[in-house]
Amino acid sequence: MNIFIAGLSFKVNDADLETLFEEYGPITSAKVITDRQTGKSKGYGFVEIDNQETAEKAIAELNGAEYDGRTISVSEARPREERPRTGGFNRNGGGGGGFNRNRY
């Protein structure tokens, strides 16, 4: 089961997350999501636990708990939705987003 953890302190790293969830049993992976440009934490992460019962116990006990001075939200991760990319620059060299002056 893939578990989503929100509200993490920006100091928490992958190893911290792994340690927090290992109390409930073996985990497959632990990852704090970071900004691509700055490398700083975005304040959320994911933990994978193969055992359904263990994962559900971890969610029940950690959701709303305080960790590193912050109250965290822990839930089963939903599948990522594919969203169209908007804004920024496209491959043809043009910019995206903004408004069209010719329309007004």
PDB file of N, CA and C in Angstrom:
ATOM      1  N   MET A   1       0.850  -1.169   0.000  1.00  0.00           N
ATOM      2  CA  MET A   1       0.000   0.000   0.000  1.00  0.00           C
ATOM      3  C   MET A   1       0.901   1.240   0.000  1.00  0.00           C
ATOM      4  N   ASN A   2       0.526   2.225  -0.794  1.00  0.00           N
ATOM      5  CA  ASN A   2       1.260   3.479  -0.855  1.00  0.00           C
ATOM      6  C   ASN A   2       0.574   4.468   0.082  1.00  0.00           C
ATOM      7  N   ILE A   3       1.347   5.059   0.990  1.00  0.00           N
ATOM      8  CA  ILE A   3       0.814   5.961   2.009  1.00  0.00           C
ATOM      9  C   ILE A   3       1.306   7.375   1.744  1.00  0.00           C
ATOM     10  N   PHE A   4       0.396   8.346   1.850  1.00  0.00           N
ATOM     11  CA  PHE A   4       0.702   9.755   1.645  1.00  0.00           C
ATOM     12  C   PHE A   4       0.796  10.429   3.009  1.00  0.00           C
ATOM     13  N   ILE A   5       1.857  11.210   3.219  1.00  0.00           N
ATOM     14  CA  ILE A   5       2.056  11.917   4.474  1.00  0.00           C
ATOM     15  C   ILE A   5       2.202  13.403   4.165  1.00  0.00           C
ATOM     16  N   ALA A   6       1.307  14.223   4.719  1.00  0.00           N
ATOM     17  CA  ALA A   6       1.350  15.669   4.496  1.00  0.00           C
ATOM     18  C   ALA A   6       1.613  16.383   5.813  1.00  0.00           C
ATOM     19  N   GLY A   7       2.071  17.628   5.713  1.00  0.00           N
ATOM     20  CA  GLY A   7       2.309  18.440   6.896  1.00  0.00           C
ATOM     21  C   GLY A   7       3.653  18.183   7.547  1.00  0.00           C
ATOM     22  N   LEU A   8       4.579  17.592   6.806  1.00  0.00           N
ATOM     23  CA  LEU A   8       5.898  17.301   7.354  1.00  0.00           C
ATOM     24  C   LEU A   8       6.706  18.581   7.557  1.00  0.00           C
ATOM     25  N   SER A   9       7.522  18.582   8.593  1.00  0.00           N
ATOM     26  CA  SER A   9       8.479  19.662   8.803  1.00  0.00           C
ATOM     27  C   SER A   9       9.437  19.645   7.606  1.00  0.00           C
ATOM     28  N   PHE A  10       9.909  20.809   7.206  1.00  0.00           N
ATOM     29  CA  PHE A  10      10.815  20.885   6.059  1.00  0.00           C
ATOM     30  C   PHE A  10      12.191  20.303   6.371  1.00  0.00           C
ATOM     31  N   LYS A  11      12.447  19.960   7.642  1.00  0.00           N
ATOM     32  CA  LYS A  11      13.712  19.339   8.036  1.00  0.00           C
ATOM     33  C   LYS A  11      13.683  17.818   7.894  1.00  0.00           C
ATOM     34  N   VAL A  12      12.487  17.233   7.786  1.00  0.00           N
ATOM     35  CA  VAL A  12      12.351  15.776   7.714  1.00  0.00           C
ATOM     36  C   VAL A  12      12.898  15.267   6.378  1.00  0.00           C
ATOM     37  N   ASN A  13      13.697  14.194   6.438  1.00  0.00           N
ATOM     38  CA  ASN A  13      14.241  13.601   5.213  1.00  0.00           C
ATOM     39  C   ASN A  13      13.762  12.160   5.056  1.00  0.00           C
ATOM     40  N   ASP A  14      14.209  11.501   3.993  1.00  0.00           N
ATOM     41  CA  ASP A  14      13.786  10.124   3.701  1.00  0.00           C
ATOM     42  C   ASP A  14      14.059   9.179   4.877  1.00  0.00           C
ATOM     43  N   ALA A  15      15.242   9.290   5.478  1.00  0.00           N
ATOM     44  CA  ALA A  15      15.624   8.405   6.581  1.00  0.00           C
ATOM     45  C   ALA A  15      14.717   8.611   7.793  1.00  0.00           C
ATOM     46  N   ASP A  16      14.348   9.874   8.070  1.00  0.00           N
ATOM     47  CA  ASP A  16      13.447  10.157   9.184  1.00  0.00           C
ATOM     48  C   ASP A  16      12.092   9.491   8.963  1.00  0.00           C
ATOM     49  N   LEU A  17      11.582   9.621   7.758  1.00  0.00           N
ATOM     50  CA  LEU A  17      10.289   9.036   7.408  1.00  0.00           C
ATOM     51  C   LEU A  17      10.340   7.510   7.533  1.00  0.00           C
ATOM     52  N   GLU A  18      11.435   6.935   7.070  1.00  0.00           N
ATOM     53  CA  GLU A  18      11.630   5.484   7.161  1.00  0.00           C
ATOM     54  C   GLU A  18      11.628   5.040   8.624  1.00  0.00           C
ATOM     55  N   THR A  19      12.342   5.763   9.464  1.00  0.00           N
ATOM     56  CA  THR A  19      12.413   5.433  10.892  1.00  0.00           C
ATOM     57  C   THR A  19      11.037   5.523  11.546  1.00  0.00           C
ATOM     58  N   LEU A  20      10.274   6.549  11.206  1.00  0.00           N
ATOM     59  CA  LEU A  20       8.941   6.736  11.775  1.00  0.00           C
ATOM     60  C   LEU A  20       8.027   5.551  11.463  1.00  0.00           C
ATOM     61  N   PHE A  21       8.066   5.079  10.217  1.00  0.00           N
ATOM     62  CA  PHE A  21       7.144   4.014   9.807  1.00  0.00           C
ATOM     63  C   PHE A  21       7.667   2.616  10.095  1.00  0.00           C
ATOM     64  N   GLU A  22       8.963   2.448  10.276  1.00  0.00           N
ATOM     65  CA  GLU A  22       9.520   1.120  10.576  1.00  0.00           C
ATOM     66  C   GLU A  22       9.029   0.572  11.904  1.00  0.00           C
ATOM     67  N   GLU A  23       8.547   1.453  12.777  1.00  0.00           N
ATOM     68  CA  GLU A  23       7.997   0.993  14.057  1.00  0.00           C
ATOM     69  C   GLU A  23       6.817   0.052  13.842  1.00  0.00           C
ATOM     70  N   TYR A  24       6.158   0.174  12.696  1.00  0.00           N
ATOM     71  CA  TYR A  24       4.958  -0.624  12.411  1.00  0.00           C
ATOM     72  C   TYR A  24       5.271  -1.896  11.635  1.00  0.00           C
ATOM     73  N   GLY A  25       6.472  -1.998  11.101  1.00  0.00           N
ATOM     74  CA  GLY A  25       6.869  -3.177  10.338  1.00  0.00           C
ATOM     75  C   GLY A  25       7.739  -2.779   9.165  1.00  0.00           C
ATOM     76  N   PRO A  26       8.159  -3.775   8.388  1.00  0.00           N
ATOM     77  CA  PRO A  26       9.051  -3.494   7.262  1.00  0.00           C
ATOM     78  C   PRO A  26       8.386  -2.616   6.204  1.00  0.00           C
ATOM     79  N   ILE A  27       9.147  -1.669   5.688  1.00  0.00           N
ATOM     80  CA  ILE A  27       8.638  -0.819   4.619  1.00  0.00           C
ATOM     81  C   ILE A  27       9.443  -1.066   3.341  1.00  0.00           C
ATOM     82  N   THR A  28       8.828  -0.790   2.214  1.00  0.00           N
ATOM     83  CA  THR A  28       9.484  -0.976   0.922  1.00  0.00           C
ATOM     84  C   THR A  28      10.282   0.259   0.537  1.00  0.00           C
ATOM     85  N   SER A  29       9.702   1.443   0.778  1.00  0.00           N
ATOM     86  CA  SER A  29      10.398   2.690   0.444  1.00  0.00           C
ATOM     87  C   SER A  29       9.808   3.850   1.233  1.00  0.00           C
ATOM     88  N   ALA A  30      10.614   4.905   1.374  1.00  0.00           N
ATOM     89  CA  ALA A  30      10.181   6.143   2.028  1.00  0.00           C
ATOM     90  C   ALA A  30      10.812   7.291   1.263  1.00  0.00           C
ATOM     91  N   LYS A  31       9.988   8.252   0.858  1.00  0.00           N
ATOM     92  CA  LYS A  31      10.496   9.356   0.034  1.00  0.00           C
ATOM     93  C   LYS A  31       9.814  10.663   0.396  1.00  0.00           C
ATOM     94  N   VAL A  32      10.623  11.653   0.800  1.00  0.00           N
ATOM     95  CA  VAL A  32      10.137  13.011   0.999  1.00  0.00           C
ATOM     96  C   VAL A  32      10.260  13.702  -0.351  1.00  0.00           C
ATOM     97  N   ILE A  33       9.201  14.343  -0.794  1.00  0.00           N
ATOM     98  CA  ILE A  33       9.200  14.999  -2.102  1.00  0.00           C
ATOM     99  C   ILE A  33       9.892  16.357  -1.992  1.00  0.00           C
ATOM    100  N   THR A  34      10.814  16.611  -2.916  1.00  0.00           N
ATOM    101  CA  THR A  34      11.575  17.855  -2.898  1.00  0.00           C
ATOM    102  C   THR A  34      11.363  18.640  -4.180  1.00  0.00           C
ATOM    103  N   ASP A  35      11.588  19.937  -4.085  1.00  0.00           N
ATOM    104  CA  ASP A  35      11.505  20.825  -5.237  1.00  0.00           C
ATOM    105  C   ASP A  35      12.674  20.520  -6.172  1.00  0.00           C
ATOM    106  N   ARG A  36      12.413  20.395  -7.453  1.00  0.00           N
ATOM    107  CA  ARG A  36      13.467  20.045  -8.411  1.00  0.00           C
ATOM    108  C   ARG A  36      14.569  21.084  -8.491  1.00  0.00           C
ATOM    109  N   GLN A  37      14.205  22.346  -8.389  1.00  0.00           N
ATOM    110  CA  GLN A  37      15.194  23.413  -8.550  1.00  0.00           C
ATOM    111  C   GLN A  37      15.988  23.683  -7.277  1.00  0.00           C
ATOM    112  N   THR A  38      15.324  23.718  -6.135  1.00  0.00           N
ATOM    113  CA  THR A  38      16.011  24.081  -4.893  1.00  0.00           C
ATOM    114  C   THR A  38      16.470  22.880  -4.090  1.00  0.00           C
ATOM    115  N   GLY A  39      15.848  21.723  -4.299  1.00  0.00           N
ATOM    116  CA  GLY A  39      16.183  20.537  -3.527  1.00  0.00           C
ATOM    117  C   GLY A  39      15.560  20.542  -2.132  1.00  0.00           C
ATOM    118  N   LYS A  40      14.777  21.581  -1.818  1.00  0.00           N
ATOM    119  CA  LYS A  40      14.149  21.678  -0.501  1.00  0.00           C
ATOM    120  C   LYS A  40      12.861  20.863  -0.459  1.00  0.00           C
ATOM    121  N   SER A  41      12.542  20.372   0.732  1.00  0.00           N
ATOM    122  CA  SER A  41      11.334  19.586   0.936  1.00  0.00           C
ATOM    123  C   SER A  41      10.096  20.400   0.608  1.00  0.00           C
ATOM    124  N   LYS A  42       9.093  19.706   0.053  1.00  0.00           N
ATOM    125  CA  LYS A  42       7.805  20.340  -0.203  1.00  0.00           C
ATOM    126  C   LYS A  42       6.839  20.106   0.959  1.00  0.00           C
ATOM    127  N   GLY A  43       7.287  19.374   1.989  1.00  0.00           N
ATOM    128  CA  GLY A  43       6.459  19.166   3.170  1.00  0.00           C
ATOM    129  C   GLY A  43       5.545  17.958   3.102  1.00  0.00           C
ATOM    130  N   TYR A  44       5.770  17.092   2.120  1.00  0.00           N
ATOM    131  CA  TYR A  44       4.985  15.859   2.053  1.00  0.00           C
ATOM    132  C   TYR A  44       5.839  14.733   1.492  1.00  0.00           C
ATOM    133  N   GLY A  45       5.347  13.505   1.669  1.00  0.00           N
ATOM    134  CA  GLY A  45       6.112  12.366   1.190  1.00  0.00           C
ATOM    135  C   GLY A  45       5.242  11.129   1.063  1.00  0.00           C
ATOM    136  N   PHE A  46       5.890  10.035   0.686  1.00  0.00           N
ATOM    137  CA  PHE A  46       5.202   8.760   0.478  1.00  0.00           C
ATOM    138  C   PHE A  46       6.001   7.638   1.122  1.00  0.00           C
ATOM    139  N   VAL A  47       5.278   6.670   1.666  1.00  0.00           N
ATOM    140  CA  VAL A  47       5.890   5.467   2.219  1.00  0.00           C
ATOM    141  C   VAL A  47       5.142   4.287   1.636  1.00  0.00           C
ATOM    142  N   GLU A  48       5.881   3.266   1.218  1.00  0.00           N
ATOM    143  CA  GLU A  48       5.259   2.041   0.705  1.00  0.00           C
ATOM    144  C   GLU A  48       5.442   0.920   1.714  1.00  0.00           C
ATOM    145  N   ILE A  49       4.328   0.265   2.030  1.00  0.00           N
ATOM    146  CA  ILE A  49       4.340  -0.884   2.935  1.00  0.00           C
ATOM    147  C   ILE A  49       3.580  -2.011   2.230  1.00  0.00           C
ATOM    148  N   ASP A  50       4.218  -3.170   2.093  1.00  0.00           N
ATOM    149  CA  ASP A  50       3.590  -4.289   1.388  1.00  0.00           C
ATOM    150  C   ASP A  50       2.439  -4.918   2.160  1.00  0.00           C
ATOM    151  N   ASN A  51       2.549  -4.963   3.481  1.00  0.00           N
ATOM    152  CA  ASN A  51       1.543  -5.616   4.301  1.00  0.00           C
ATOM    153  C   ASN A  51       0.367  -4.666   4.560  1.00  0.00           C
ATOM    154  N   GLN A  52      -0.805  -5.018   4.053  1.00  0.00           N
ATOM    155  CA  GLN A  52      -2.006  -4.185   4.155  1.00  0.00           C
ATOM    156  C   GLN A  52      -2.362  -3.871   5.613  1.00  0.00           C
ATOM    157  N   GLU A  53      -2.316  -4.875   6.450  1.00  0.00           N
ATOM    158  CA  GLU A  53      -2.675  -4.710   7.864  1.00  0.00           C
ATOM    159  C   GLU A  53      -1.722  -3.736   8.563  1.00  0.00           C
ATOM    160  N   THR A  54      -0.441  -3.880   8.291  1.00  0.00           N
ATOM    161  CA  THR A  54       0.573  -2.994   8.866  1.00  0.00           C
ATOM    162  C   THR A  54       0.361  -1.564   8.396  1.00  0.00           C
ATOM    163  N   ALA A  55       0.088  -1.408   7.112  1.00  0.00           N
ATOM    164  CA  ALA A  55      -0.127  -0.079   6.538  1.00  0.00           C
ATOM    165  C   ALA A  55      -1.346   0.593   7.163  1.00  0.00           C
ATOM    166  N   GLU A  56      -2.426  -0.144   7.305  1.00  0.00           N
ATOM    167  CA  GLU A  56      -3.649   0.418   7.890  1.00  0.00           C
ATOM    168  C   GLU A  56      -3.442   0.820   9.345  1.00  0.00           C
ATOM    169  N   LYS A  57      -2.662   0.030  10.085  1.00  0.00           N
ATOM    170  CA  LYS A  57      -2.373   0.365  11.486  1.00  0.00           C
ATOM    171  C   LYS A  57      -1.533   1.647  11.556  1.00  0.00           C
ATOM    172  N   ALA A  58      -0.538   1.758  10.699  1.00  0.00           N
ATOM    173  CA  ALA A  58       0.310   2.954  10.673  1.00  0.00           C
ATOM    174  C   ALA A  58      -0.524   4.198  10.351  1.00  0.00           C
ATOM    175  N   ILE A  59      -1.418   4.087   9.376  1.00  0.00           N
ATOM    176  CA  ILE A  59      -2.280   5.214   8.999  1.00  0.00           C
ATOM    177  C   ILE A  59      -3.160   5.619  10.181  1.00  0.00           C
ATOM    178  N   ALA A  60      -3.796   4.637  10.804  1.00  0.00           N
ATOM    179  CA  ALA A  60      -4.710   4.909  11.916  1.00  0.00           C
ATOM    180  C   ALA A  60      -3.994   5.577  13.093  1.00  0.00           C
ATOM    181  N   GLU A  61      -2.790   5.125  13.386  1.00  0.00           N
ATOM    182  CA  GLU A  61      -2.084   5.646  14.555  1.00  0.00           C
ATOM    183  C   GLU A  61      -1.324   6.942  14.290  1.00  0.00           C
ATOM    184  N   LEU A  62      -0.891   7.162  13.062  1.00  0.00           N
ATOM    185  CA  LEU A  62      -0.084   8.353  12.779  1.00  0.00           C
ATOM    186  C   LEU A  62      -0.888   9.540  12.247  1.00  0.00           C
ATOM    187  N   ASN A  63      -2.068   9.293  11.698  1.00  0.00           N
ATOM    188  CA  ASN A  63      -2.872  10.402  11.181  1.00  0.00           C
ATOM    189  C   ASN A  63      -3.260  11.322  12.330  1.00  0.00           C
ATOM    190  N   GLY A  64      -2.889  12.589  12.240  1.00  0.00           N
ATOM    191  CA  GLY A  64      -3.183  13.559  13.283  1.00  0.00           C
ATOM    192  C   GLY A  64      -2.140  13.610  14.391  1.00  0.00           C
ATOM    193  N   ALA A  65      -1.110  12.767  14.285  1.00  0.00           N
ATOM    194  CA  ALA A  65      -0.055  12.747  15.299  1.00  0.00           C
ATOM    195  C   ALA A  65       0.896  13.922  15.096  1.00  0.00           C
ATOM    196  N   GLU A  66       1.617  14.259  16.156  1.00  0.00           N
ATOM    197  CA  GLU A  66       2.623  15.308  16.047  1.00  0.00           C
ATOM    198  C   GLU A  66       3.964  14.656  15.755  1.00  0.00           C
ATOM    199  N   TYR A  67       4.655  15.187  14.752  1.00  0.00           N
ATOM    200  CA  TYR A  67       5.978  14.681  14.397  1.00  0.00           C
ATOM    201  C   TYR A  67       6.875  15.867  14.068  1.00  0.00           C
ATOM    202  N   ASP A  68       7.972  15.970  14.757  1.00  0.00           N
ATOM    203  CA  ASP A  68       8.937  17.058  14.578  1.00  0.00           C
ATOM    204  C   ASP A  68       8.261  18.434  14.709  1.00  0.00           C
ATOM    205  N   GLY A  69       7.356  18.536  15.677  1.00  0.00           N
ATOM    206  CA  GLY A  69       6.709  19.807  15.963  1.00  0.00           C
ATOM    207  C   GLY A  69       5.534  20.172  15.077  1.00  0.00           C
ATOM    208  N   ARG A  70       5.135  19.266  14.191  1.00  0.00           N
ATOM    209  CA  ARG A  70       4.012  19.547  13.289  1.00  0.00           C
ATOM    210  C   ARG A  70       3.007  18.403  13.340  1.00  0.00           C
ATOM    211  N   THR A  71       1.737  18.729  13.118  1.00  0.00           N
ATOM    212  CA  THR A  71       0.700  17.704  13.047  1.00  0.00           C
ATOM    213  C   THR A  71       0.651  17.183  11.622  1.00  0.00           C
ATOM    214  N   ILE A  72       0.839  15.878  11.472  1.00  0.00           N
ATOM    215  CA  ILE A  72       0.873  15.289  10.126  1.00  0.00           C
ATOM    216  C   ILE A  72      -0.462  14.637   9.772  1.00  0.00           C
ATOM    217  N   SER A  73      -0.746  14.611   8.489  1.00  0.00           N
ATOM    218  CA  SER A  73      -1.916  13.911   7.954  1.00  0.00           C
ATOM    219  C   SER A  73      -1.407  12.695   7.207  1.00  0.00           C
ATOM    220  N   VAL A  74      -1.949  11.539   7.536  1.00  0.00           N
ATOM    221  CA  VAL A  74      -1.494  10.289   6.929  1.00  0.00           C
ATOM    222  C   VAL A  74      -2.712   9.566   6.357  1.00  0.00           C
ATOM    223  N   SER A  75      -2.620   9.189   5.073  1.00  0.00           N
ATOM    224  CA  SER A  75      -3.741   8.509   4.419  1.00  0.00           C
ATOM    225  C   SER A  75      -3.214   7.631   3.290  1.00  0.00           C
ATOM    226  N   GLU A  76      -4.099   6.781   2.789  1.00  0.00           N
ATOM    227  CA  GLU A  76      -3.729   5.973   1.631  1.00  0.00           C
ATOM    228  C   GLU A  76      -3.589   6.909   0.442  1.00  0.00           C
ATOM    229  N   ALA A  77      -2.508   6.751  -0.306  1.00  0.00           N
ATOM    230  CA  ALA A  77      -2.258   7.616  -1.461  1.00  0.00           C
ATOM    231  C   ALA A  77      -3.231   7.275  -2.581  1.00  0.00           C
ATOM    232  N   ARG A  78      -3.739   8.303  -3.223  1.00  0.00           N
ATOM    233  CA  ARG A  78      -4.594   8.108  -4.400  1.00  0.00           C
ATOM    234  C   ARG A  78      -3.701   8.067  -5.628  1.00  0.00           C
ATOM    235  N   PRO A  79      -4.131   7.373  -6.672  1.00  0.00           N
ATOM    236  CA  PRO A  79      -3.331   7.350  -7.901  1.00  0.00           C
ATOM    237  C   PRO A  79      -3.173   8.764  -8.450  1.00  0.00           C
ATOM    238  N   ARG A  80      -2.017   9.036  -8.998  1.00  0.00           N
ATOM    239  CA  ARG A  80      -1.735  10.354  -9.560  1.00  0.00           C
ATOM    240  C   ARG A  80      -2.602  10.584 -10.789  1.00  0.00           C
ATOM    241  N   GLU A  81      -3.221  11.753 -10.848  1.00  0.00           N
ATOM    242  CA  GLU A  81      -4.057  12.095 -12.001  1.00  0.00           C
ATOM    243  C   GLU A  81      -3.199  12.768 -13.065  1.00  0.00           C
ATOM    244  N   GLU A  82      -3.413  12.384 -14.293  1.00  0.00           N
ATOM    245  CA  GLU A  82      -2.711  13.031 -15.396  1.00  0.00           C
ATOM    246  C   GLU A  82      -3.416  14.340 -15.696  1.00  0.00           C
ATOM    247  N   ARG A  83      -2.674  15.431 -15.603  1.00  0.00           N
ATOM    248  CA  ARG A  83      -3.238  16.743 -15.895  1.00  0.00           C
ATOM    249  C   ARG A  83      -2.483  17.347 -17.062  1.00  0.00           C
ATOM    250  N   PRO A  84      -3.180  18.097 -17.906  1.00  0.00           N
ATOM    251  CA  PRO A  84      -2.467  18.751 -19.004  1.00  0.00           C
ATOM    252  C   PRO A  84      -1.532  19.820 -18.445  1.00  0.00           C
ATOM    253  N   ARG A  85      -0.376  19.940 -19.029  1.00  0.00           N
ATOM    254  CA  ARG A  85       0.578  20.952 -18.593  1.00  0.00           C
ATOM    255  C   ARG A  85       0.159  22.291 -19.166  1.00  0.00           C
ATOM    256  N   THR A  86       0.204  23.310 -18.354  1.00  0.00           N
ATOM    257  CA  THR A  86      -0.132  24.650 -18.820  1.00  0.00           C
ATOM    258  C   THR A  86       0.959  25.604 -18.397  1.00  0.00           C
ATOM    259  N   GLY A  87       1.068  26.703 -19.141  1.00  0.00           N
ATOM    260  CA  GLY A  87       2.058  27.710 -18.808  1.00  0.00           C
ATOM    261  C   GLY A  87       3.453  27.267 -19.191  1.00  0.00           C
ATOM    262  N   GLY A  88       4.412  28.101 -18.921  1.00  0.00           N
ATOM    263  CA  GLY A  88       5.799  27.776 -19.228  1.00  0.00           C
ATOM    264  C   GLY A  88       6.086  27.871 -20.711  1.00  0.00           C
ATOM    265  N   PHE A  89       7.188  27.313 -21.120  1.00  0.00           N
ATOM    266  CA  PHE A  89       7.575  27.352 -22.524  1.00  0.00           C
ATOM    267  C   PHE A  89       7.341  26.003 -23.164  1.00  0.00           C
ATOM    268  N   ASN A  90       6.915  26.031 -24.429  1.00  0.00           N
ATOM    269  CA  ASN A  90       6.702  24.766 -25.118  1.00  0.00           C
ATOM    270  C   ASN A  90       7.912  24.445 -25.992  1.00  0.00           C
ATOM    271  N   ARG A  91       7.938  23.308 -26.597  1.00  0.00           N
ATOM    272  CA  ARG A  91       9.094  22.867 -27.383  1.00  0.00           C
ATOM    273  C   ARG A  91       9.325  23.693 -28.636  1.00  0.00           C
ATOM    274  N   ASN A  92       8.294  24.391 -29.076  1.00  0.00           N
ATOM    275  CA  ASN A  92       8.438  25.215 -30.277  1.00  0.00           C
ATOM    276  C   ASN A  92       9.046  26.571 -29.966  1.00  0.00           C
ATOM    277  N   GLY A  93       9.430  26.787 -28.716  1.00  0.00           N
ATOM    278  CA  GLY A  93      10.092  28.019 -28.341  1.00  0.00           C
ATOM    279  C   GLY A  93       9.153  29.117 -27.888  1.00  0.00           C
ATOM    280  N   GLY A  94       7.863  28.901 -27.964  1.00  0.00           N
ATOM    281  CA  GLY A  94       6.916  29.937 -27.553  1.00  0.00           C
ATOM    282  C   GLY A  94       6.588  29.821 -26.081  1.00  0.00           C
ATOM    283  N   GLY A  95       6.096  30.903 -25.549  1.00  0.00           N
ATOM    284  CA  GLY A  95       5.698  30.901 -24.147  1.00  0.00           C
ATOM    285  C   GLY A  95       4.271  30.418 -24.017  1.00  0.00           C
ATOM    286  N   GLY A  96       3.899  29.991 -22.848  1.00  0.00           N
ATOM    287  CA  GLY A  96       2.532  29.566 -22.598  1.00  0.00           C
ATOM    288  C   GLY A  96       1.936  30.401 -21.487  1.00  0.00           C
ATOM    289  N   GLY A  97       0.659  30.316 -21.319  1.00  0.00           N
ATOM    290  CA  GLY A  97       0.009  31.064 -20.251  1.00  0.00           C
ATOM    291  C   GLY A  97      -0.131  32.530 -20.608  1.00  0.00           C
ATOM    292  N   GLY A  98      -0.456  33.353 -19.636  1.00  0.00           N
ATOM    293  CA  GLY A  98      -0.603  34.779 -19.895  1.00  0.00           C
ATOM    294  C   GLY A  98      -1.887  35.072 -20.630  1.00  0.00           C
ATOM    295  N   PHE A  99      -1.995  36.270 -21.182  1.00  0.00           N
ATOM    296  CA  PHE A  99      -3.203  36.624 -21.918  1.00  0.00           C
ATOM    297  C   PHE A  99      -2.836  37.062 -23.319  1.00  0.00           C
ATOM    298  N   ASN A 100      -3.806  37.032 -24.188  1.00  0.00           N
ATOM    299  CA  ASN A 100      -3.601  37.397 -25.582  1.00  0.00           C
ATOM    300  C   ASN A 100      -4.068  38.835 -25.777  1.00  0.00           C
ATOM    301  N   ARG A 101      -3.135  39.746 -26.053  1.00  0.00           N
ATOM    302  CA  ARG A 101      -3.476  41.154 -26.214  1.00  0.00           C
ATOM    303  C   ARG A 101      -4.442  41.396 -27.357  1.00  0.00           C
ATOM    304  N   ASN A 102      -4.414  40.530 -28.366  1.00  0.00           N
ATOM    305  CA  ASN A 102      -5.274  40.718 -29.521  1.00  0.00           C
ATOM    306  C   ASN A 102      -6.737  40.421 -29.232  1.00  0.00           C
ATOM    307  N   ARG A 103      -7.005  39.787 -28.122  1.00  0.00           N
ATOM    308  CA  ARG A 103      -8.388  39.438 -27.779  1.00  0.00           C
ATOM    309  C   ARG A 103      -9.132  40.607 -27.149  1.00  0.00           C
ATOM    310  N   TYR A 104      -8.427  41.569 -26.616  1.00  0.00           N
ATOM    311  CA  TYR A 104      -9.107  42.618 -25.835  1.00  0.00           C
ATOM    312  C   TYR A 104      -9.050  43.950 -26.499  1.00  0.00           C
TER     313      TYR A 104
END
